[in-house]
């Protein structure tokens, strides 16, 4: 849980005693020590500050210098490390250390370390601040006795609980329990606690009447029911349309007449409600052609296709109106089942009558989904014009007459051919006629 409390001043550190100095190393020793830019040590114990007050936000910054001897065997010392430790914390020590480095003779080295002071550390108790620089053989050590004093205004968010859990379904209520602790010097009244999920636009707030100080609670200066810690229960209603995702529950406590505040964030997982998908059938209808051309007595076939884009199967049928008396019509199959995201095909057959008049004949195909008409398709069957032919009956007599007529025509043609050939021969044998001569032909008595 991340606590944002940089705006608070942590307890004052007051160095009240001379430090203990352990000088075991012949190769290097402490030269200076500064704590938050205040000099705490200048090479000699007599130069130590007796009453050093440090105001911190979150850390104690320790800057120290060590000076190497002029006569180091081999000229240098390797694998040297410096560490600063605040001892006496109930739940373990807090410290910081430098990376290893090499000390060469005659040189001075500056090292910086930052100690994070826990927010829940007990106040008005003695602690030891130990500074140490060491290598595999030797070490230099310096210790300070430190007292931590309470600061004036300091509330701490001790814990935040989400009920039923930090994984909740959209539309459900979320109970947020916020536990606060007064770690300052002053009693706090009318503490406002606000919980919110900004991404969803929801929030809830309430007031905690008062929290006495830890010191007041210990010395029993107040009533038994008054304590230095307390909790509030707040309710957040998660919207039903909240999408699935990871969110943060923001928790903020505002106190000291609005001049001070502390905040934290708690992760929350929301499982959105999937919208109920309504069962539906979404039909698309297509036909290969709305006009077919046939002769009277023949059959025209129309191909009708149905696509179902819905999530529920559809059962279709086709009703045909307007084909009587010029034709009879039928649809195959009688009922067509089309699955979701599927397609189906039906045939409309129109059998024209043998005496159907030539021209356009219109009719309607109604596509039914159950008992509901979902589409009407207007179709046209075009009957072709009839060819005119003789209807006289063929008899044996007519056949003989026809044959005889044909024979006469052949004989006439044959006679003409023979006469033509004979006339050509006589012209070739006759003597030439003298111009101006006339011949007469008299038949014999």
Protein backbone atom coordinates (compact mmCIF):
# COMPACT_ATOMS: atom_id res chain seq x y z
CA UNK A 1 0.00 0.00 0.00
CA UNK A 2 1.55 3.28 -1.13
CA UNK A 3 1.33 6.13 1.41
CA UNK A 4 1.79 9.67 0.13
CA UNK A 5 2.99 11.58 3.18
CA UNK A 6 5.86 13.70 1.93
CA UNK A 7 3.98 16.74 3.14
CA UNK A 8 4.46 15.56 6.74
CA UNK A 9 7.54 16.16 8.82
CA UNK A 10 8.78 12.99 10.44
CA UNK A 11 9.94 12.98 14.10
CA UNK A 12 12.74 15.30 15.12
CA UNK A 13 16.08 13.60 15.67
CA UNK A 14 17.96 15.03 18.65
CA UNK A 15 21.55 13.89 19.26
CA UNK A 16 22.07 14.23 22.98
CA UNK A 17 25.18 12.26 23.77
CA UNK A 18 28.79 12.08 22.64
CA UNK A 19 29.28 9.30 20.12
CA UNK A 20 31.32 6.22 20.67
CA UNK A 21 34.26 6.02 18.27
CA UNK A 22 35.86 2.73 17.27
CA UNK A 23 39.12 3.27 15.40
CA UNK A 24 40.42 -0.14 14.46
CA UNK A 25 41.70 0.53 10.96
CA UNK A 26 45.24 1.81 10.45
CA UNK A 27 44.58 2.47 6.78
CA UNK A 28 41.71 5.04 6.93
CA UNK A 29 39.55 6.92 9.44
CA UNK A 30 36.53 9.23 9.60
CA UNK A 31 37.27 12.80 8.63
CA UNK A 32 33.81 14.47 8.77
CA UNK A 33 30.15 13.47 9.24
CA UNK A 34 27.19 15.59 8.11
CA UNK A 35 23.54 14.74 8.74
CA UNK A 36 21.18 16.69 6.52
CA UNK A 37 23.90 19.23 5.77
CA UNK A 38 24.56 19.82 9.47
CA UNK A 39 28.09 18.97 10.62
CA UNK A 40 27.96 16.30 13.33
CA UNK A 41 31.63 15.27 13.46
CA UNK A 42 34.92 16.99 12.62
CA UNK A 43 37.73 14.48 13.04
CA UNK A 44 37.96 14.98 16.80
CA UNK A 45 35.32 13.99 19.38
CA UNK A 46 35.55 17.41 21.04
CA UNK A 47 34.16 19.00 17.88
CA UNK A 48 30.91 17.01 17.94
CA UNK A 49 27.56 18.87 18.11
CA UNK A 50 25.82 18.05 21.38
CA UNK A 51 22.30 19.20 20.44
CA UNK A 52 21.78 18.52 16.75
CA UNK A 53 18.12 18.86 15.62
CA UNK A 54 17.15 17.33 12.27
CA UNK A 55 13.84 17.94 10.46
CA UNK A 56 13.19 15.24 7.88
CA UNK A 57 10.57 14.49 5.28
CA UNK A 58 11.17 10.78 4.72
CA UNK A 59 14.89 10.10 5.02
CA UNK A 60 18.00 10.88 7.04
CA UNK A 61 20.82 11.80 4.70
CA UNK A 62 24.27 10.94 6.01
CA UNK A 63 27.34 12.38 4.26
CA UNK A 64 30.74 11.29 5.51
CA UNK A 65 34.33 11.54 4.39
CA UNK A 66 37.13 9.11 5.16
CA UNK A 67 40.80 9.86 4.80
CA UNK A 68 43.32 7.23 3.78
CA UNK A 69 46.63 6.84 5.55
CA UNK A 70 49.82 7.91 3.84
CA UNK A 71 51.39 4.53 4.49
CA UNK A 72 49.10 1.74 3.30
CA UNK A 73 50.76 -1.59 2.71
CA UNK A 74 50.63 -2.17 -1.02
CA UNK A 75 49.36 1.38 -1.61
CA UNK A 76 45.61 0.65 -1.45
CA UNK A 77 42.83 -1.24 0.34
CA UNK A 78 40.17 -2.96 -1.77
CA UNK A 79 36.53 -4.00 -1.05
CA UNK A 80 35.78 -1.12 1.32
CA UNK A 81 32.09 -0.47 2.08
CA UNK A 82 30.34 2.15 4.26
CA UNK A 83 27.03 1.59 6.03
CA UNK A 84 24.70 3.73 8.16
CA UNK A 85 22.17 2.01 10.42
CA UNK A 86 19.40 3.19 12.73
CA UNK A 87 19.26 0.54 15.46
CA UNK A 88 16.45 -0.02 17.95
CA UNK A 89 13.46 -0.21 15.58
CA UNK A 90 11.14 -2.94 16.87
CA UNK A 91 10.61 -4.56 13.51
CA UNK A 92 14.25 -4.69 12.42
CA UNK A 93 16.98 -2.26 11.58
CA UNK A 94 16.78 0.35 8.86
CA UNK A 95 19.94 1.15 6.97
CA UNK A 96 21.66 2.14 3.75
CA UNK A 97 25.08 1.28 2.38
CA UNK A 98 27.44 2.23 -0.40
CA UNK A 99 28.82 -0.01 -3.13
CA UNK A 100 32.30 -1.40 -2.51
CA UNK A 101 35.19 0.86 -3.47
CA UNK A 102 38.99 1.02 -3.26
CA UNK A 103 40.86 3.30 -0.87
CA UNK A 104 44.25 4.48 -2.12
CA UNK A 105 46.80 5.96 0.25
CA UNK A 106 46.67 9.71 0.87
CA UNK A 107 43.22 10.20 -0.70
CA UNK A 108 39.97 11.49 0.84
CA UNK A 109 36.63 9.86 -0.08
CA UNK A 110 33.09 11.22 0.31
CA UNK A 111 30.12 8.85 0.61
CA UNK A 112 26.37 9.60 0.86
CA UNK A 113 23.70 7.33 2.37
CA UNK A 114 19.95 7.78 2.92
CA UNK A 115 18.07 6.09 5.76
CA UNK A 116 14.28 5.79 5.37
CA UNK A 117 12.67 6.34 8.77
CA UNK A 118 9.57 4.11 9.25
CA UNK A 119 6.34 5.99 9.88
CA UNK A 120 5.33 3.66 12.69
CA UNK A 121 8.57 3.98 14.66
CA UNK A 122 8.02 4.63 18.38
CA UNK A 123 8.78 8.14 19.58
CA UNK A 124 10.51 9.37 22.73
CA UNK A 125 12.71 6.27 22.70
CA UNK A 126 16.52 6.11 22.40
CA UNK A 127 17.96 4.77 19.13
CA UNK A 128 21.48 4.18 17.95
CA UNK A 129 22.73 5.67 14.69
CA UNK A 130 25.76 3.63 13.68
CA UNK A 131 28.19 4.64 10.93
CA UNK A 132 30.68 2.07 9.73
CA UNK A 133 33.28 1.75 6.99
CA UNK A 134 35.00 -1.63 6.73
CA UNK A 135 37.02 -3.96 4.54
CA UNK A 136 37.69 -7.71 4.90
CA UNK A 137 40.35 -7.03 7.58
CA UNK A 138 39.61 -3.71 9.34
CA UNK A 139 36.80 -1.31 10.14
CA UNK A 140 36.07 2.24 11.37
CA UNK A 141 32.87 2.76 13.38
CA UNK A 142 31.06 5.75 14.88
CA UNK A 143 27.86 5.61 16.98
CA UNK A 144 25.34 8.26 18.05
CA UNK A 145 22.51 7.98 20.57
CA UNK A 146 19.39 9.47 18.98
CA UNK A 147 16.01 10.41 20.46
CA UNK A 148 12.94 10.75 18.23
CA UNK A 149 10.45 13.44 19.21
CA UNK A 150 6.83 13.55 18.07
CA UNK A 151 5.95 16.07 15.36
CA UNK A 152 3.03 18.47 15.73
CA UNK A 153 0.44 17.14 13.24
CA UNK A 154 0.78 13.69 11.79
CA UNK A 155 -1.97 11.23 10.86
CA UNK A 156 -1.13 7.89 9.31
CA UNK A 157 -3.40 5.65 7.22
CA UNK A 158 -2.69 2.41 9.01
CA UNK A 159 -4.73 0.08 6.77
CA UNK A 160 -7.47 -0.06 4.14
CA UNK A 161 -9.75 -3.08 3.78
CA UNK A 162 -12.09 -3.80 0.86
CA UNK A 163 -15.15 -5.95 1.47
CA UNK A 164 -16.06 -8.42 0.01
CA UNK A 165 -12.59 -8.27 -1.61
CA UNK A 166 -10.46 -6.30 -4.01
CA UNK A 167 -12.03 -8.31 -6.85
CA UNK A 168 -15.68 -7.41 -7.31
CA UNK A 169 -18.38 -7.65 -9.95
CA UNK A 170 -19.89 -4.55 -11.51
CA UNK A 171 -23.16 -3.49 -9.90
CA UNK A 172 -22.18 -4.80 -6.45
CA UNK A 173 -21.62 -2.64 -3.33
CA UNK A 174 -18.04 -2.22 -2.12
CA UNK A 175 -17.44 -1.52 1.57
CA UNK A 176 -14.20 0.33 2.35
CA UNK A 177 -12.81 0.26 5.89
CA UNK A 178 -10.17 2.93 6.60
CA UNK A 179 -8.09 2.74 9.78
CA UNK A 180 -6.25 5.88 10.92
CA UNK A 181 -3.57 6.41 13.55
CA UNK A 182 -2.51 9.69 15.20
CA UNK A 183 1.29 9.76 15.46
CA UNK A 184 1.62 13.49 16.14
CA UNK A 185 1.79 15.74 19.19
CA UNK A 186 -1.70 17.19 18.81
CA UNK A 187 -5.14 15.69 19.11
CA UNK A 188 -6.99 15.71 15.78
CA UNK A 189 -10.70 16.52 15.50
CA UNK A 190 -13.18 16.30 12.63
CA UNK A 191 -11.05 14.17 10.34
CA UNK A 192 -12.62 13.90 6.91
CA UNK A 193 -12.05 10.65 5.02
CA UNK A 194 -12.82 10.44 1.30
CA UNK A 195 -12.74 7.26 -0.79
CA UNK A 196 -13.22 7.35 -4.55
CA UNK A 197 -12.71 5.61 -7.88
CA UNK A 198 -12.14 8.57 -10.24
CA UNK A 199 -12.37 6.49 -13.43
CA UNK A 200 -15.95 5.53 -12.53
CA UNK A 201 -16.93 8.90 -11.09
CA UNK A 202 -17.93 7.48 -7.68
CA UNK A 203 -16.93 8.64 -4.20
CA UNK A 204 -18.01 8.54 -0.57
CA UNK A 205 -16.94 10.53 2.51
CA UNK A 206 -17.46 10.62 6.26
CA UNK A 207 -16.01 12.21 9.40
CA UNK A 208 -14.09 10.70 12.31
CA UNK A 209 -14.74 12.84 15.36
CA UNK A 210 -11.36 12.78 17.12
CA UNK A 211 -8.12 10.92 17.67
CA UNK A 212 -5.99 11.61 20.72
CA UNK A 213 -2.20 11.31 20.67
CA UNK A 214 -0.27 8.17 21.57
CA UNK A 215 1.20 9.97 24.59
CA UNK A 216 -2.25 11.00 25.79
CA UNK A 217 -3.50 7.46 25.42
CA UNK A 218 -0.52 6.11 27.41
CA UNK A 219 -0.82 8.59 30.26
CA UNK A 220 -4.60 8.11 30.48
CA UNK A 221 -5.29 11.82 30.34
CA UNK A 222 -8.48 11.20 28.43
CA UNK A 223 -11.55 9.04 28.73
CA UNK A 224 -11.22 5.32 28.30
CA UNK A 225 -13.14 5.24 25.00
CA UNK A 226 -10.87 7.85 23.39
CA UNK A 227 -8.02 6.32 21.43
CA UNK A 228 -5.16 7.33 19.19
CA UNK A 229 -6.47 5.15 16.35
CA UNK A 230 -9.88 4.64 14.82
CA UNK A 231 -11.67 3.48 11.69
CA UNK A 232 -14.45 4.46 9.32
CA UNK A 233 -16.62 2.28 7.10
CA UNK A 234 -17.66 3.79 3.79
CA UNK A 235 -19.77 2.44 0.92
CA UNK A 236 -19.05 2.67 -2.80
CA UNK A 237 -21.64 1.44 -5.30
CA UNK A 238 -19.93 0.05 -8.38
CA UNK A 239 -21.96 1.00 -11.50
CA UNK A 240 -23.57 -1.86 -13.38
CA UNK A 241 -22.02 -0.66 -16.63
CA UNK A 242 -18.48 -0.49 -15.25
CA UNK A 243 -16.18 -2.17 -17.78
CA UNK A 244 -13.87 -4.98 -16.80
CA UNK A 245 -10.46 -3.69 -15.73
CA UNK A 246 -8.02 -2.74 -13.00
CA UNK A 247 -8.76 0.38 -10.97
CA UNK A 248 -7.51 2.17 -7.84
CA UNK A 249 -9.53 3.06 -4.78
CA UNK A 250 -8.17 6.43 -3.68
CA UNK A 251 -8.24 7.03 0.09
CA UNK A 252 -7.57 10.51 1.51
CA UNK A 253 -7.70 11.82 5.07
CA UNK A 254 -7.98 15.61 5.54
CA UNK A 255 -7.29 17.05 9.01
CA UNK A 256 -5.75 19.95 10.93
CA UNK A 257 -8.59 22.20 9.70
CA UNK A 258 -7.87 21.22 6.11
CA UNK A 259 -4.19 22.20 6.21
CA UNK A 260 -2.86 18.63 6.29
CA UNK A 261 -3.75 15.52 4.39
CA UNK A 262 -2.50 11.99 3.76
CA UNK A 263 -3.49 9.69 0.90
CA UNK A 264 -3.02 6.17 -0.39
CA UNK A 265 -4.26 3.92 -3.20
CA UNK A 266 -5.59 0.37 -3.06
CA UNK A 267 -5.85 -1.76 -6.22
CA UNK A 268 -9.31 -2.95 -7.25
CA UNK A 269 -10.30 -5.43 -9.95
CA UNK A 270 -13.78 -5.09 -11.45
CA UNK A 271 -15.40 -7.82 -13.50
CA UNK A 272 -17.84 -6.16 -15.87
CA UNK A 273 -21.26 -7.61 -16.61
CA UNK A 274 -21.49 -8.88 -20.15
CA UNK A 275 -24.65 -7.46 -21.73
CA UNK A 276 -27.31 -10.05 -22.39
CA UNK A 277 -27.37 -10.83 -26.07
CA UNK A 278 -30.93 -10.94 -27.35
CA UNK A 279 -31.72 -13.96 -29.48
CA UNK A 280 -32.53 -12.69 -32.93
CA UNK A 281 -32.68 -13.73 -36.55
CA UNK A 282 -31.30 -11.31 -39.10
CA UNK A 283 -32.27 -12.34 -42.63
CA UNK A 284 -30.88 -11.31 -45.99
CA UNK A 285 -32.78 -12.50 -49.08
CA UNK A 286 -31.51 -12.61 -52.65
CA UNK A 287 -32.93 -14.07 -55.89
CA UNK A 288 -31.04 -14.96 -59.04
CA UNK A 289 -33.46 -13.12 -61.36
CA UNK A 290 -36.87 -11.49 -61.13
CA UNK A 291 -37.75 -12.21 -64.80
CA UNK A 292 -37.80 -15.62 -66.54
CA UNK A 293 -38.75 -16.28 -70.19
CA UNK A 294 -40.42 -19.54 -71.30
CA UNK A 295 -42.77 -20.95 -73.91
CA UNK A 296 -46.31 -21.81 -73.03
CA UNK A 297 -46.50 -25.15 -71.30
CA UNK A 298 -42.89 -24.93 -70.06
CA UNK A 299 -41.53 -24.42 -66.54
CA UNK A 300 -39.58 -21.44 -65.18
CA UNK A 301 -37.33 -21.89 -62.12
CA UNK A 302 -36.31 -19.07 -59.74
CA UNK A 303 -33.44 -19.61 -57.25
CA UNK A 304 -33.98 -17.81 -53.93
CA UNK A 305 -31.14 -17.60 -51.35
CA UNK A 306 -31.48 -16.76 -47.63
CA UNK A 307 -28.62 -15.76 -45.26
CA UNK A 308 -29.13 -15.70 -41.47
CA UNK A 309 -26.76 -13.23 -39.75
CA UNK A 310 -28.41 -13.59 -36.34
CA UNK A 311 -27.59 -15.83 -33.38
CA UNK A 312 -30.68 -18.01 -33.59
CA UNK A 313 -31.71 -20.48 -36.26
CA UNK A 314 -34.55 -19.49 -38.58
CA UNK A 315 -37.22 -21.69 -40.15
CA UNK A 316 -38.44 -20.20 -43.43
CA UNK A 317 -41.21 -21.00 -45.91
CA UNK A 318 -42.32 -19.44 -49.21
CA UNK A 319 -45.92 -18.56 -50.13
CA UNK A 320 -46.68 -17.87 -53.82
CA UNK A 321 -49.64 -15.72 -54.90
CA UNK A 322 -50.91 -14.55 -58.30
CA UNK A 323 -50.09 -17.43 -60.71
CA UNK A 324 -53.64 -18.69 -61.37
CA UNK A 325 -54.94 -19.39 -64.01
CA UNK A 326 -51.99 -19.01 -66.34
CA UNK A 327 -49.62 -21.26 -64.33
CA UNK A 328 -49.18 -23.45 -61.27
CA UNK A 329 -46.34 -22.75 -58.78
CA UNK A 330 -44.55 -24.52 -55.94
CA UNK A 331 -41.55 -23.93 -53.63
CA UNK A 332 -38.96 -26.54 -52.76
CA UNK A 333 -38.31 -27.34 -49.97
CA UNK A 334 -41.53 -26.56 -48.16
CA UNK A 335 -39.62 -25.44 -45.05
CA UNK A 336 -36.02 -24.24 -45.04
CA UNK A 337 -33.94 -24.20 -41.80
CA UNK A 338 -30.99 -21.78 -41.78
CA UNK A 339 -28.54 -21.90 -38.85
CA UNK A 340 -26.91 -18.77 -37.32
CA UNK A 341 -24.27 -17.32 -39.63
CA UNK A 342 -25.49 -19.78 -42.28
CA UNK A 343 -27.18 -19.73 -45.68
CA UNK A 344 -29.92 -21.73 -47.40
CA UNK A 345 -31.48 -22.04 -50.87
CA UNK A 346 -35.01 -22.63 -52.14
CA UNK A 347 -36.40 -23.12 -55.67
CA UNK A 348 -39.62 -21.51 -56.95
CA UNK A 349 -41.02 -23.55 -59.86
CA UNK A 350 -43.67 -21.99 -62.17
CA UNK A 351 -45.32 -24.37 -64.70
CA UNK A 352 -47.07 -22.32 -67.39
CA UNK A 353 -50.31 -23.57 -68.95
CA UNK A 354 -50.21 -24.72 -72.59
CA UNK A 355 -52.77 -22.07 -73.47
CA UNK A 356 -51.08 -19.32 -71.50
CA UNK A 357 -51.28 -16.03 -73.29
CA UNK A 358 -48.06 -14.56 -74.58
CA UNK A 359 -46.66 -11.65 -72.58
CA UNK A 360 -45.62 -10.74 -69.00
CA UNK A 361 -47.29 -12.53 -66.12
CA UNK A 362 -46.57 -11.10 -62.63
CA UNK A 363 -46.83 -12.89 -59.29
CA UNK A 364 -45.51 -12.52 -55.71
CA UNK A 365 -43.33 -14.81 -53.58
CA UNK A 366 -43.74 -14.10 -49.84
CA UNK A 367 -40.83 -15.23 -47.62
CA UNK A 368 -42.21 -16.32 -44.25
CA UNK A 369 -40.28 -16.64 -40.97
CA UNK A 370 -42.61 -18.74 -38.94
CA UNK A 371 -45.97 -17.02 -39.37
CA UNK A 372 -44.46 -13.60 -40.12
CA UNK A 373 -43.95 -12.24 -43.63
CA UNK A 374 -40.42 -10.80 -43.68
CA UNK A 375 -40.14 -10.02 -47.39
CA UNK A 376 -42.18 -9.98 -50.59
CA UNK A 377 -40.46 -10.55 -53.93
CA UNK A 378 -42.27 -9.49 -57.12
CA UNK A 379 -41.49 -11.87 -60.00
CA UNK A 380 -42.33 -11.94 -63.71
CA UNK A 381 -42.75 -14.93 -66.08
CA UNK A 382 -42.64 -13.87 -69.71
CA UNK A 383 -44.45 -16.29 -72.12
CA UNK A 384 -43.11 -16.22 -75.72
CA UNK A 385 -45.32 -15.52 -78.85
CA UNK A 386 -46.67 -18.71 -80.64
CA UNK A 387 -45.51 -19.65 -84.22
CA UNK A 388 -48.45 -19.84 -86.92
CA UNK A 389 -48.68 -23.25 -88.75
CA UNK A 390 -51.37 -24.89 -91.18
CA UNK A 391 -53.82 -27.07 -89.52
CA UNK A 392 -55.28 -28.84 -92.70
CA UNK A 393 -55.47 -32.62 -92.31
CA UNK A 394 -53.21 -34.76 -94.48
CA UNK A 395 -55.10 -37.53 -96.47
CA UNK A 396 -54.16 -40.24 -99.03
CA UNK A 397 -55.91 -38.30 -101.74
CA UNK A 398 -53.97 -35.17 -101.07
CA UNK A 399 -50.79 -37.19 -101.19
CA UNK A 400 -51.71 -38.63 -104.67
CA UNK A 401 -52.65 -35.19 -105.98
CA UNK A 402 -49.41 -33.79 -104.76
CA UNK A 403 -47.43 -36.63 -106.31
CA UNK A 404 -49.24 -36.31 -109.69
CA UNK A 405 -48.68 -32.56 -109.76
CA UNK A 406 -45.01 -33.09 -109.09
CA UNK A 407 -44.86 -35.71 -111.96
CA UNK A 408 -46.53 -33.31 -114.45
CA UNK A 409 -44.01 -30.61 -113.58
CA UNK A 410 -41.16 -33.05 -114.18
CA UNK A 411 -42.56 -34.15 -117.59
CA UNK A 412 -43.04 -30.57 -118.74
CA UNK A 413 -39.47 -29.75 -117.82
CA UNK A 414 -38.25 -32.90 -119.64
CA UNK A 415 -40.25 -32.02 -122.83
CA UNK A 416 -38.85 -28.54 -122.87
CA UNK A 417 -35.31 -29.86 -122.59
CA UNK A 418 -35.84 -32.33 -125.56
CA UNK A 419 -37.44 -29.68 -127.75
CA UNK A 420 -34.63 -27.32 -127.08
CA UNK A 421 -32.02 -29.89 -128.07
CA UNK A 422 -33.93 -30.78 -131.39
CA UNK A 423 -34.31 -27.18 -132.42
CA UNK A 424 -30.60 -26.59 -131.94
CA UNK A 425 -29.77 -29.56 -134.25
CA UNK A 426 -32.04 -28.37 -137.13
CA UNK A 427 -30.50 -24.95 -137.10
CA UNK A 428 -27.05 -26.45 -137.53
CA UNK A 429 -28.15 -28.58 -140.68
CA UNK A 430 -30.29 -25.96 -142.55
CA UNK A 431 -28.69 -23.97 -145.57
CA UNK A 432 -28.11 -20.34 -145.17
CA UNK A 433 -31.00 -18.12 -146.29
CA UNK A 434 -30.54 -15.33 -148.83
CA UNK A 435 -31.27 -11.93 -147.28
CA UNK A 436 -34.78 -10.75 -148.15
CA UNK A 437 -36.07 -14.21 -148.75
CA UNK A 438 -39.29 -15.44 -147.31
CA UNK A 439 -40.30 -19.01 -146.53
CA UNK A 440 -43.83 -20.13 -146.00
CA UNK A 441 -44.91 -23.36 -144.50
CA UNK A 442 -48.10 -25.07 -146.06
CA UNK A 443 -49.38 -28.16 -144.50
CA UNK A 444 -50.26 -31.24 -147.01
CA UNK A 445 -53.86 -31.91 -148.28
